[in-house]
Amino acid sequence: MSLDVQTIKRLEAGVGSVATLTAVMTALDFRLTGLGGGASLPEQLRSRRLRRSWSLDQVATKAGLSRTTVASLERGGGSVASMMKMLAVLAPHARRRAPERSFWGQGDKADRDSRFTPPDFMDDIYAAFGPVDLDPCADLRSPVVARRRILLNEGGDGLVDDWSGRLAFVNPPFSNMLAWLRRAHEQWRAGKVQTVICLVPVRTDSVFFHDTLSDAADIFLLQGRVKFLSTKGKPQHTPFSLMLVALGATSEQRSRFAGSVPGRWLEPSAAAREQHAE
């Protein structure tokens, strides 16, 4: 992109349009964590508002803005100053997300979340854990077979809508995996779904993983790299290691999975052993 020095200085001072700010963030691959899902800051703020179940009017009142301004900001319009007011209300603790550790490929960076669990891997999931009742982050192009699918393009949002069923399988957008793991744990603890199986990169550095998941979930470290499917149906190895995060899985289910997929279950915590014994 081509911007003059003065425009950049104005942005750094909080002056300018959201459209310009979004373009600069995209060019620099600058993203925030602590928001909702989305490809841009306006989309993330809308997702955050919906997750908190706030109306446009509620956000407008809290931020000292008009309803029209809030709606415009969520569409990528408005000023940086107004955006900062909205951000302070919706996500006061948002911070810059660490750069991605690796990509599927530089040419695929824009659609790095558009990778789908291969059918042969899903066959092992079905055989070990049973039929999938819910895919909360589904895609029309995904080969995952589920009785219920929550699709963004149909107005659904697995980070907001209630989950249901005996088994949920979650292969979330990896750029927002922590939010999906939090949601999975929340819905499982609330009894909305009996068992949740999440396929995610091996990233154990978050406070949530250490304080919550390490006690509540069974963790299976996959040996080797899974060949995911691209949007064109082409198989591609993941450039990072993967793990299965299982909430509410039985010992029989875990044994069946370990018997067909290379890898190993980590030794469960005392809390997890107590849950399995109940």
C-alpha atoms as a PDB file:
ATOM      1  CA  MET A   1       0.000   0.000   0.000  1.00  0.00           C
ATOM      2  CA  SER A   2       1.093   3.604  -0.510  1.00  0.00           C
ATOM      3  CA  LEU A   3       0.538   6.174   2.251  1.00  0.00           C
ATOM      4  CA  ASP A   4       2.349   9.422   2.947  1.00  0.00           C
ATOM      5  CA  VAL A   5       4.327   9.926   6.153  1.00  0.00           C
ATOM      6  CA  GLN A   6       1.845  12.454   7.518  1.00  0.00           C
ATOM      7  CA  THR A   7      -1.029   9.972   7.261  1.00  0.00           C
ATOM      8  CA  ILE A   8       0.963   7.367   9.214  1.00  0.00           C
ATOM      9  CA  LYS A   9       1.859   9.941  11.879  1.00  0.00           C
ATOM     10  CA  ARG A  10      -1.796  10.893  12.211  1.00  0.00           C
ATOM     11  CA  LEU A  11      -2.794   7.251  12.641  1.00  0.00           C
ATOM     12  CA  GLU A  12      -0.173   6.793  15.352  1.00  0.00           C
ATOM     13  CA  ALA A  13      -1.724   9.784  17.110  1.00  0.00           C
ATOM     14  CA  GLY A  14      -5.198   8.211  16.857  1.00  0.00           C
ATOM     15  CA  VAL A  15      -6.396  10.397  13.996  1.00  0.00           C
ATOM     16  CA  GLY A  16      -7.683   9.047  10.707  1.00  0.00           C
ATOM     17  CA  SER A  17     -10.254   6.697   9.232  1.00  0.00           C
ATOM     18  CA  VAL A  18     -10.926   3.096  10.250  1.00  0.00           C
ATOM     19  CA  ALA A  19     -10.597   2.091   6.600  1.00  0.00           C
ATOM     20  CA  THR A  20      -7.014   3.379   6.532  1.00  0.00           C
ATOM     21  CA  LEU A  21      -6.220   1.811   9.904  1.00  0.00           C
ATOM     22  CA  THR A  22      -7.566  -1.568   8.748  1.00  0.00           C
ATOM     23  CA  ALA A  23      -5.493  -1.410   5.565  1.00  0.00           C
ATOM     24  CA  VAL A  24      -2.331  -0.647   7.544  1.00  0.00           C
ATOM     25  CA  MET A  25      -3.024  -3.454  10.040  1.00  0.00           C
ATOM     26  CA  THR A  26      -3.514  -5.891   7.168  1.00  0.00           C
ATOM     27  CA  ALA A  27      -0.312  -4.791   5.457  1.00  0.00           C
ATOM     28  CA  LEU A  28       1.667  -5.211   8.698  1.00  0.00           C
ATOM     29  CA  ASP A  29      -0.158  -8.420   9.725  1.00  0.00           C
ATOM     30  CA  PHE A  30      -0.975  -6.598  12.973  1.00  0.00           C
ATOM     31  CA  ARG A  31      -3.818  -8.256  14.881  1.00  0.00           C
ATOM     32  CA  LEU A  32      -5.225  -7.985  18.389  1.00  0.00           C
ATOM     33  CA  THR A  33      -6.021 -10.758  20.817  1.00  0.00           C
ATOM     34  CA  GLY A  34      -8.791 -10.567  23.394  1.00  0.00           C
ATOM     35  CA  LEU A  35     -11.508  -9.919  20.815  1.00  0.00           C
ATOM     36  CA  GLY A  36     -13.763 -12.198  18.800  1.00  0.00           C
ATOM     37  CA  GLY A  37     -13.164 -13.978  15.535  1.00  0.00           C
ATOM     38  CA  GLY A  38     -12.896 -12.108  12.258  1.00  0.00           C
ATOM     39  CA  ALA A  39     -10.528 -11.172   9.466  1.00  0.00           C
ATOM     40  CA  SER A  40     -10.349  -7.485  10.449  1.00  0.00           C
ATOM     41  CA  LEU A  41     -10.661  -5.302  13.537  1.00  0.00           C
ATOM     42  CA  PRO A  42     -14.246  -4.194  12.699  1.00  0.00           C
ATOM     43  CA  GLU A  43     -15.308  -7.842  12.268  1.00  0.00           C
ATOM     44  CA  GLN A  44     -13.597  -8.789  15.518  1.00  0.00           C
ATOM     45  CA  LEU A  45     -15.369  -6.012  17.416  1.00  0.00           C
ATOM     46  CA  ARG A  46     -18.743  -7.089  16.056  1.00  0.00           C
ATOM     47  CA  SER A  47     -17.987 -10.668  17.077  1.00  0.00           C
ATOM     48  CA  ARG A  48     -16.996  -9.461  20.546  1.00  0.00           C
ATOM     49  CA  ARG A  49     -20.230  -7.477  20.887  1.00  0.00           C
ATOM     50  CA  LEU A  50     -22.348 -10.454  19.864  1.00  0.00           C
ATOM     51  CA  ARG A  51     -20.478 -12.755  22.212  1.00  0.00           C
ATOM     52  CA  ARG A  52     -21.259 -10.404  25.097  1.00  0.00           C
ATOM     53  CA  SER A  53     -24.900 -10.262  23.931  1.00  0.00           C
ATOM     54  CA  TRP A  54     -24.848  -6.468  23.741  1.00  0.00           C
ATOM     55  CA  SER A  55     -27.032  -4.548  21.330  1.00  0.00           C
ATOM     56  CA  LEU A  56     -25.795  -1.677  19.192  1.00  0.00           C
ATOM     57  CA  ASP A  57     -27.622   0.726  21.490  1.00  0.00           C
ATOM     58  CA  GLN A  58     -25.957  -0.715  24.602  1.00  0.00           C
ATOM     59  CA  VAL A  59     -22.469  -0.331  23.121  1.00  0.00           C
ATOM     60  CA  ALA A  60     -23.292   3.157  21.888  1.00  0.00           C
ATOM     61  CA  THR A  61     -24.402   4.242  25.363  1.00  0.00           C
ATOM     62  CA  LYS A  62     -21.372   2.738  27.112  1.00  0.00           C
ATOM     63  CA  ALA A  63     -18.929   4.239  24.595  1.00  0.00           C
ATOM     64  CA  GLY A  64     -20.579   7.643  24.335  1.00  0.00           C
ATOM     65  CA  LEU A  65     -21.273   7.171  20.626  1.00  0.00           C
ATOM     66  CA  SER A  66     -24.391   7.104  18.504  1.00  0.00           C
ATOM     67  CA  ARG A  67     -25.969   3.857  17.365  1.00  0.00           C
ATOM     68  CA  THR A  68     -25.295   4.860  13.754  1.00  0.00           C
ATOM     69  CA  THR A  69     -21.591   5.364  14.513  1.00  0.00           C
ATOM     70  CA  VAL A  70     -21.287   1.928  16.154  1.00  0.00           C
ATOM     71  CA  ALA A  71     -23.002   0.272  13.191  1.00  0.00           C
ATOM     72  CA  SER A  72     -20.673   2.105  10.804  1.00  0.00           C
ATOM     73  CA  LEU A  73     -17.595   1.034  12.783  1.00  0.00           C
ATOM     74  CA  GLU A  74     -18.645  -2.610  12.541  1.00  0.00           C
ATOM     75  CA  ARG A  75     -18.803  -2.190   8.746  1.00  0.00           C
ATOM     76  CA  GLY A  76     -15.302  -0.724   8.621  1.00  0.00           C
ATOM     77  CA  GLY A  77     -16.322   2.934   8.494  1.00  0.00           C
ATOM     78  CA  GLY A  78     -15.990   5.763  10.977  1.00  0.00           C
ATOM     79  CA  SER A  79     -12.975   7.344  12.629  1.00  0.00           C
ATOM     80  CA  VAL A  80     -10.083   5.884  14.584  1.00  0.00           C
ATOM     81  CA  ALA A  81     -11.066   8.004  17.587  1.00  0.00           C
ATOM     82  CA  SER A  82     -14.549   6.446  17.655  1.00  0.00           C
ATOM     83  CA  MET A  83     -13.067   3.002  17.126  1.00  0.00           C
ATOM     84  CA  MET A  84     -10.814   3.465  20.159  1.00  0.00           C
ATOM     85  CA  LYS A  85     -13.829   4.398  22.310  1.00  0.00           C
ATOM     86  CA  MET A  86     -15.666   1.282  21.168  1.00  0.00           C
ATOM     87  CA  LEU A  87     -12.577  -0.872  21.730  1.00  0.00           C
ATOM     88  CA  ALA A  88     -12.147   0.475  25.272  1.00  0.00           C
ATOM     89  CA  VAL A  89     -15.690  -0.618  26.127  1.00  0.00           C
ATOM     90  CA  LEU A  90     -15.751  -4.018  24.429  1.00  0.00           C
ATOM     91  CA  ALA A  91     -12.191  -5.200  25.029  1.00  0.00           C
ATOM     92  CA  PRO A  92     -10.250  -2.953  27.421  1.00  0.00           C
ATOM     93  CA  HIS A  93      -7.523  -5.588  27.850  1.00  0.00           C
ATOM     94  CA  ALA A  94      -6.981  -6.324  24.151  1.00  0.00           C
ATOM     95  CA  ARG A  95      -3.336  -6.473  23.122  1.00  0.00           C
ATOM     96  CA  ARG A  96      -1.273  -7.225  20.076  1.00  0.00           C
ATOM     97  CA  ARG A  97      -1.314 -10.893  19.167  1.00  0.00           C
ATOM     98  CA  ALA A  98       2.066 -12.515  18.786  1.00  0.00           C
ATOM     99  CA  PRO A  99       3.066 -13.092  15.154  1.00  0.00           C
ATOM    100  CA  GLU A 100       2.089 -16.460  13.728  1.00  0.00           C
ATOM    101  CA  ARG A 101       4.787 -19.033  14.350  1.00  0.00           C
ATOM    102  CA  SER A 102       4.310 -20.609  10.961  1.00  0.00           C
ATOM    103  CA  PHE A 103       2.039 -20.566   7.942  1.00  0.00           C
ATOM    104  CA  TRP A 104       0.764 -23.168   5.545  1.00  0.00           C
ATOM    105  CA  GLY A 105       2.642 -21.266   2.856  1.00  0.00           C
ATOM    106  CA  GLN A 106       3.238 -17.632   2.084  1.00  0.00           C
ATOM    107  CA  GLY A 107       0.870 -17.791  -0.854  1.00  0.00           C
ATOM    108  CA  ASP A 108      -1.837 -19.189   1.421  1.00  0.00           C
ATOM    109  CA  LYS A 109      -1.453 -16.685   4.251  1.00  0.00           C
ATOM    110  CA  ALA A 110      -4.747 -14.913   3.511  1.00  0.00           C
ATOM    111  CA  ASP A 111      -6.770 -18.108   3.906  1.00  0.00           C
ATOM    112  CA  ARG A 112      -4.662 -19.804   6.569  1.00  0.00           C
ATOM    113  CA  ASP A 113      -7.813 -20.771   8.534  1.00  0.00           C
ATOM    114  CA  SER A 114      -9.434 -22.453   5.525  1.00  0.00           C
ATOM    115  CA  ARG A 115      -8.057 -25.948   6.039  1.00  0.00           C
ATOM    116  CA  PHE A 116     -10.247 -28.970   6.621  1.00  0.00           C
ATOM    117  CA  THR A 117      -9.819 -32.191   8.595  1.00  0.00           C
ATOM    118  CA  PRO A 118      -9.254 -35.031   6.084  1.00  0.00           C
ATOM    119  CA  PRO A 119     -11.880 -37.790   5.798  1.00  0.00           C
ATOM    120  CA  ASP A 120      -9.458 -40.578   6.775  1.00  0.00           C
ATOM    121  CA  PHE A 121      -8.616 -38.801  10.036  1.00  0.00           C
ATOM    122  CA  MET A 122     -12.316 -38.260  10.698  1.00  0.00           C
ATOM    123  CA  ASP A 123     -12.909 -41.987  10.187  1.00  0.00           C
ATOM    124  CA  ASP A 124     -10.610 -42.590  13.170  1.00  0.00           C
ATOM    125  CA  ILE A 125     -12.592 -40.015  15.169  1.00  0.00           C
ATOM    126  CA  TYR A 126     -15.920 -41.700  14.353  1.00  0.00           C
ATOM    127  CA  ALA A 127     -14.523 -45.159  15.129  1.00  0.00           C
ATOM    128  CA  ALA A 128     -13.097 -44.103  18.490  1.00  0.00           C
ATOM    129  CA  PHE A 129     -15.678 -41.636  19.792  1.00  0.00           C
ATOM    130  CA  GLY A 130     -18.830 -42.354  17.770  1.00  0.00           C
ATOM    131  CA  PRO A 131     -20.991 -40.230  15.459  1.00  0.00           C
ATOM    132  CA  VAL A 132     -20.509 -36.474  15.671  1.00  0.00           C
ATOM    133  CA  ASP A 133     -23.617 -34.648  16.836  1.00  0.00           C
ATOM    134  CA  LEU A 134     -22.267 -31.110  16.478  1.00  0.00           C
ATOM    135  CA  ASP A 135     -19.685 -29.258  14.408  1.00  0.00           C
ATOM    136  CA  PRO A 136     -19.801 -25.751  15.981  1.00  0.00           C
ATOM    137  CA  CYS A 137     -17.321 -24.160  13.549  1.00  0.00           C
ATOM    138  CA  ALA A 138     -18.502 -25.867  10.384  1.00  0.00           C
ATOM    139  CA  ASP A 139     -17.794 -24.981   6.774  1.00  0.00           C
ATOM    140  CA  LEU A 140     -19.799 -26.065   3.752  1.00  0.00           C
ATOM    141  CA  ARG A 141     -16.572 -27.363   2.180  1.00  0.00           C
ATOM    142  CA  SER A 142     -15.581 -29.445   5.205  1.00  0.00           C
ATOM    143  CA  PRO A 143     -15.853 -33.267   4.958  1.00  0.00           C
ATOM    144  CA  VAL A 144     -16.803 -33.557   8.651  1.00  0.00           C
ATOM    145  CA  VAL A 145     -20.112 -35.433   8.986  1.00  0.00           C
ATOM    146  CA  ALA A 146     -22.237 -34.061  11.829  1.00  0.00           C
ATOM    147  CA  ARG A 147     -25.929 -34.165  12.683  1.00  0.00           C
ATOM    148  CA  ARG A 148     -25.881 -30.416  13.359  1.00  0.00           C
ATOM    149  CA  ARG A 149     -23.553 -27.805  11.905  1.00  0.00           C
ATOM    150  CA  ILE A 150     -23.236 -24.177  12.976  1.00  0.00           C
ATOM    151  CA  LEU A 151     -22.363 -22.166   9.864  1.00  0.00           C
ATOM    152  CA  LEU A 152     -21.331 -18.522   9.801  1.00  0.00           C
ATOM    153  CA  ASN A 153     -22.692 -18.054   6.290  1.00  0.00           C
ATOM    154  CA  GLU A 154     -26.116 -19.123   7.569  1.00  0.00           C
ATOM    155  CA  GLY A 155     -26.054 -16.639  10.449  1.00  0.00           C
ATOM    156  CA  GLY A 156     -24.722 -19.029  13.086  1.00  0.00           C
ATOM    157  CA  ASP A 157     -21.781 -18.483  15.413  1.00  0.00           C
ATOM    158  CA  GLY A 158     -20.399 -21.328  17.499  1.00  0.00           C
ATOM    159  CA  LEU A 159     -18.792 -18.821  19.860  1.00  0.00           C
ATOM    160  CA  VAL A 160     -22.258 -17.450  20.669  1.00  0.00           C
ATOM    161  CA  ASP A 161     -24.873 -20.145  19.902  1.00  0.00           C
ATOM    162  CA  ASP A 162     -25.505 -22.917  22.438  1.00  0.00           C
ATOM    163  CA  TRP A 163     -23.972 -26.298  21.700  1.00  0.00           C
ATOM    164  CA  SER A 164     -25.891 -29.559  22.029  1.00  0.00           C
ATOM    165  CA  GLY A 165     -25.598 -33.321  21.635  1.00  0.00           C
ATOM    166  CA  ARG A 166     -23.476 -36.195  22.860  1.00  0.00           C
ATOM    167  CA  LEU A 167     -20.301 -35.494  20.856  1.00  0.00           C
ATOM    168  CA  ALA A 168     -18.953 -32.240  19.416  1.00  0.00           C
ATOM    169  CA  PHE A 169     -15.941 -32.219  17.102  1.00  0.00           C
ATOM    170  CA  VAL A 170     -14.058 -28.918  16.902  1.00  0.00           C
ATOM    171  CA  ASN A 171     -11.437 -28.120  14.268  1.00  0.00           C
ATOM    172  CA  PRO A 172     -11.414 -24.353  14.880  1.00  0.00           C
ATOM    173  CA  PRO A 173      -9.775 -21.500  12.984  1.00  0.00           C
ATOM    174  CA  PHE A 174      -6.235 -21.863  14.311  1.00  0.00           C
ATOM    175  CA  SER A 175      -5.761 -18.082  14.431  1.00  0.00           C
ATOM    176  CA  ASN A 176      -8.455 -17.985  17.139  1.00  0.00           C
ATOM    177  CA  MET A 177      -7.995 -21.392  18.747  1.00  0.00           C
ATOM    178  CA  LEU A 178      -7.877 -20.150  22.344  1.00  0.00           C
ATOM    179  CA  ALA A 179     -11.342 -18.593  22.096  1.00  0.00           C
ATOM    180  CA  TRP A 180     -12.706 -21.878  20.729  1.00  0.00           C
ATOM    181  CA  LEU A 181     -11.033 -23.924  23.468  1.00  0.00           C
ATOM    182  CA  ARG A 182     -12.545 -21.614  26.079  1.00  0.00           C
ATOM    183  CA  ARG A 183     -15.966 -21.993  24.454  1.00  0.00           C
ATOM    184  CA  ALA A 184     -15.612 -25.779  24.276  1.00  0.00           C
ATOM    185  CA  HIS A 185     -14.745 -25.982  27.961  1.00  0.00           C
ATOM    186  CA  GLU A 186     -17.561 -23.594  28.879  1.00  0.00           C
ATOM    187  CA  GLN A 187     -20.223 -25.544  26.978  1.00  0.00           C
ATOM    188  CA  TRP A 188     -18.947 -28.883  28.278  1.00  0.00           C
ATOM    189  CA  ARG A 189     -18.902 -27.694  31.901  1.00  0.00           C
ATOM    190  CA  ALA A 190     -22.434 -26.326  31.452  1.00  0.00           C
ATOM    191  CA  GLY A 191     -23.615 -29.771  30.349  1.00  0.00           C
ATOM    192  CA  LYS A 192     -24.626 -28.592  26.879  1.00  0.00           C
ATOM    193  CA  VAL A 193     -22.601 -31.389  25.286  1.00  0.00           C
ATOM    194  CA  GLN A 194     -21.336 -34.637  26.804  1.00  0.00           C
ATOM    195  CA  THR A 195     -17.975 -34.958  25.057  1.00  0.00           C
ATOM    196  CA  VAL A 196     -15.902 -32.462  23.080  1.00  0.00           C
ATOM    197  CA  ILE A 197     -12.959 -33.384  20.852  1.00  0.00           C
ATOM    198  CA  CYS A 198     -10.800 -30.471  19.658  1.00  0.00           C
ATOM    199  CA  LEU A 199      -8.062 -30.775  17.030  1.00  0.00           C
ATOM    200  CA  VAL A 200      -5.641 -27.873  17.495  1.00  0.00           C
ATOM    201  CA  PRO A 201      -1.939 -26.934  17.230  1.00  0.00           C
ATOM    202  CA  VAL A 202       0.269 -27.872  20.174  1.00  0.00           C
ATOM    203  CA  ARG A 203       0.356 -24.539  21.959  1.00  0.00           C
ATOM    204  CA  THR A 204       0.557 -24.784  25.719  1.00  0.00           C
ATOM    205  CA  ASP A 205       1.759 -21.306  26.645  1.00  0.00           C
ATOM    206  CA  SER A 206      -1.578 -19.751  27.654  1.00  0.00           C
ATOM    207  CA  VAL A 207      -2.710 -19.286  31.255  1.00  0.00           C
ATOM    208  CA  PHE A 208      -5.992 -20.969  30.292  1.00  0.00           C
ATOM    209  CA  PHE A 209      -4.183 -24.126  29.204  1.00  0.00           C
ATOM    210  CA  HIS A 210      -2.165 -24.363  32.414  1.00  0.00           C
ATOM    211  CA  ASP A 211      -4.898 -23.347  34.857  1.00  0.00           C
ATOM    212  CA  THR A 212      -7.897 -25.037  33.248  1.00  0.00           C
ATOM    213  CA  LEU A 213      -7.343 -27.407  30.324  1.00  0.00           C
ATOM    214  CA  SER A 214      -4.417 -29.266  31.859  1.00  0.00           C
ATOM    215  CA  ASP A 215      -6.718 -30.297  34.728  1.00  0.00           C
ATOM    216  CA  ALA A 216      -9.985 -30.816  32.855  1.00  0.00           C
ATOM    217  CA  ALA A 217      -8.948 -32.339  29.521  1.00  0.00           C
ATOM    218  CA  ASP A 218      -7.133 -35.386  28.202  1.00  0.00           C
ATOM    219  CA  ILE A 219      -4.378 -34.393  25.778  1.00  0.00           C
ATOM    220  CA  PHE A 220      -3.268 -36.636  22.895  1.00  0.00           C
ATOM    221  CA  LEU A 221      -0.054 -35.633  21.102  1.00  0.00           C
ATOM    222  CA  LEU A 222      -0.212 -36.681  17.462  1.00  0.00           C
ATOM    223  CA  GLN A 223       2.890 -38.258  15.980  1.00  0.00           C
ATOM    224  CA  GLY A 224       3.833 -36.861  12.581  1.00  0.00           C
ATOM    225  CA  ARG A 225       1.900 -34.262  10.624  1.00  0.00           C
ATOM    226  CA  VAL A 226      -1.735 -34.528   9.482  1.00  0.00           C
ATOM    227  CA  LYS A 227      -2.491 -33.819   5.822  1.00  0.00           C
ATOM    228  CA  PHE A 228      -5.272 -31.256   5.923  1.00  0.00           C
ATOM    229  CA  LEU A 229      -7.282 -30.341   2.835  1.00  0.00           C
ATOM    230  CA  SER A 230      -6.949 -26.916   1.240  1.00  0.00           C
ATOM    231  CA  THR A 231      -9.911 -24.996  -0.181  1.00  0.00           C
ATOM    232  CA  LYS A 232      -9.095 -26.669  -3.514  1.00  0.00           C
ATOM    233  CA  GLY A 233      -9.133 -30.137  -1.980  1.00  0.00           C
ATOM    234  CA  LYS A 234      -5.349 -30.482  -2.127  1.00  0.00           C
ATOM    235  CA  PRO A 235      -3.760 -32.314   0.835  1.00  0.00           C
ATOM    236  CA  GLN A 236      -1.123 -30.338   2.750  1.00  0.00           C
ATOM    237  CA  HIS A 237       0.854 -31.334   5.822  1.00  0.00           C
ATOM    238  CA  THR A 238       0.472 -28.991   8.770  1.00  0.00           C
ATOM    239  CA  PRO A 239       3.636 -26.913   9.354  1.00  0.00           C
ATOM    240  CA  PHE A 240       3.197 -27.469  13.110  1.00  0.00           C
ATOM    241  CA  SER A 241       2.452 -30.309  15.516  1.00  0.00           C
ATOM    242  CA  LEU A 242      -1.144 -31.052  16.507  1.00  0.00           C
ATOM    243  CA  MET A 243      -2.866 -32.336  19.607  1.00  0.00           C
ATOM    244  CA  LEU A 244      -6.305 -33.656  20.448  1.00  0.00           C
ATOM    245  CA  VAL A 245      -7.955 -31.966  23.434  1.00  0.00           C
ATOM    246  CA  ALA A 246     -10.659 -34.286  24.776  1.00  0.00           C
ATOM    247  CA  LEU A 247     -13.249 -33.178  27.337  1.00  0.00           C
ATOM    248  CA  GLY A 248     -15.425 -35.914  28.829  1.00  0.00           C
ATOM    249  CA  ALA A 249     -13.931 -38.803  26.819  1.00  0.00           C
ATOM    250  CA  THR A 250     -14.104 -42.289  28.362  1.00  0.00           C
ATOM    251  CA  SER A 251     -11.107 -44.571  28.855  1.00  0.00           C
ATOM    252  CA  GLU A 252     -12.518 -46.912  26.181  1.00  0.00           C
ATOM    253  CA  GLN A 253     -12.765 -44.084  23.672  1.00  0.00           C
ATOM    254  CA  ARG A 254      -9.229 -42.962  24.411  1.00  0.00           C
ATOM    255  CA  SER A 255      -7.909 -46.496  24.049  1.00  0.00           C
ATOM    256  CA  ARG A 256      -9.645 -46.997  20.702  1.00  0.00           C
ATOM    257  CA  PHE A 257      -8.189 -43.761  19.352  1.00  0.00           C
ATOM    258  CA  ALA A 258      -4.657 -44.534  20.547  1.00  0.00           C
ATOM    259  CA  GLY A 259      -4.951 -47.963  18.934  1.00  0.00           C
ATOM    260  CA  SER A 260      -5.526 -46.514  15.455  1.00  0.00           C
ATOM    261  CA  VAL A 261      -3.678 -43.165  15.410  1.00  0.00           C
ATOM    262  CA  PRO A 262       0.087 -42.762  16.053  1.00  0.00           C
ATOM    263  CA  GLY A 263       0.744 -40.695  19.157  1.00  0.00           C
ATOM    264  CA  ARG A 264       0.198 -40.861  22.888  1.00  0.00           C
ATOM    265  CA  TRP A 265      -2.115 -39.592  25.592  1.00  0.00           C
ATOM    266  CA  LEU A 266      -0.424 -37.500  28.252  1.00  0.00           C
ATOM    267  CA  GLU A 267      -0.715 -38.716  31.815  1.00  0.00           C
ATOM    268  CA  PRO A 268      -4.010 -37.245  33.083  1.00  0.00           C
ATOM    269  CA  SER A 269      -4.035 -34.879  36.027  1.00  0.00           C
ATOM    270  CA  ALA A 270      -5.539 -35.864  39.376  1.00  0.00           C
ATOM    271  CA  ALA A 271      -8.629 -33.800  38.553  1.00  0.00           C
ATOM    272  CA  ALA A 272      -9.076 -35.541  35.212  1.00  0.00           C
ATOM    273  CA  ARG A 273      -8.625 -38.978  36.802  1.00  0.00           C
ATOM    274  CA  GLU A 274     -11.295 -38.088  39.365  1.00  0.00           C
ATOM    275  CA  GLN A 275     -13.713 -37.037  36.567  1.00  0.00           C
ATOM    276  CA  HIS A 276     -13.143 -40.288  34.659  1.00  0.00           C
ATOM    277  CA  ALA A 277     -13.751 -42.300  37.812  1.00  0.00           C
ATOM    278  CA  GLU A 278     -17.162 -40.740  38.415  1.00  0.00           C
END
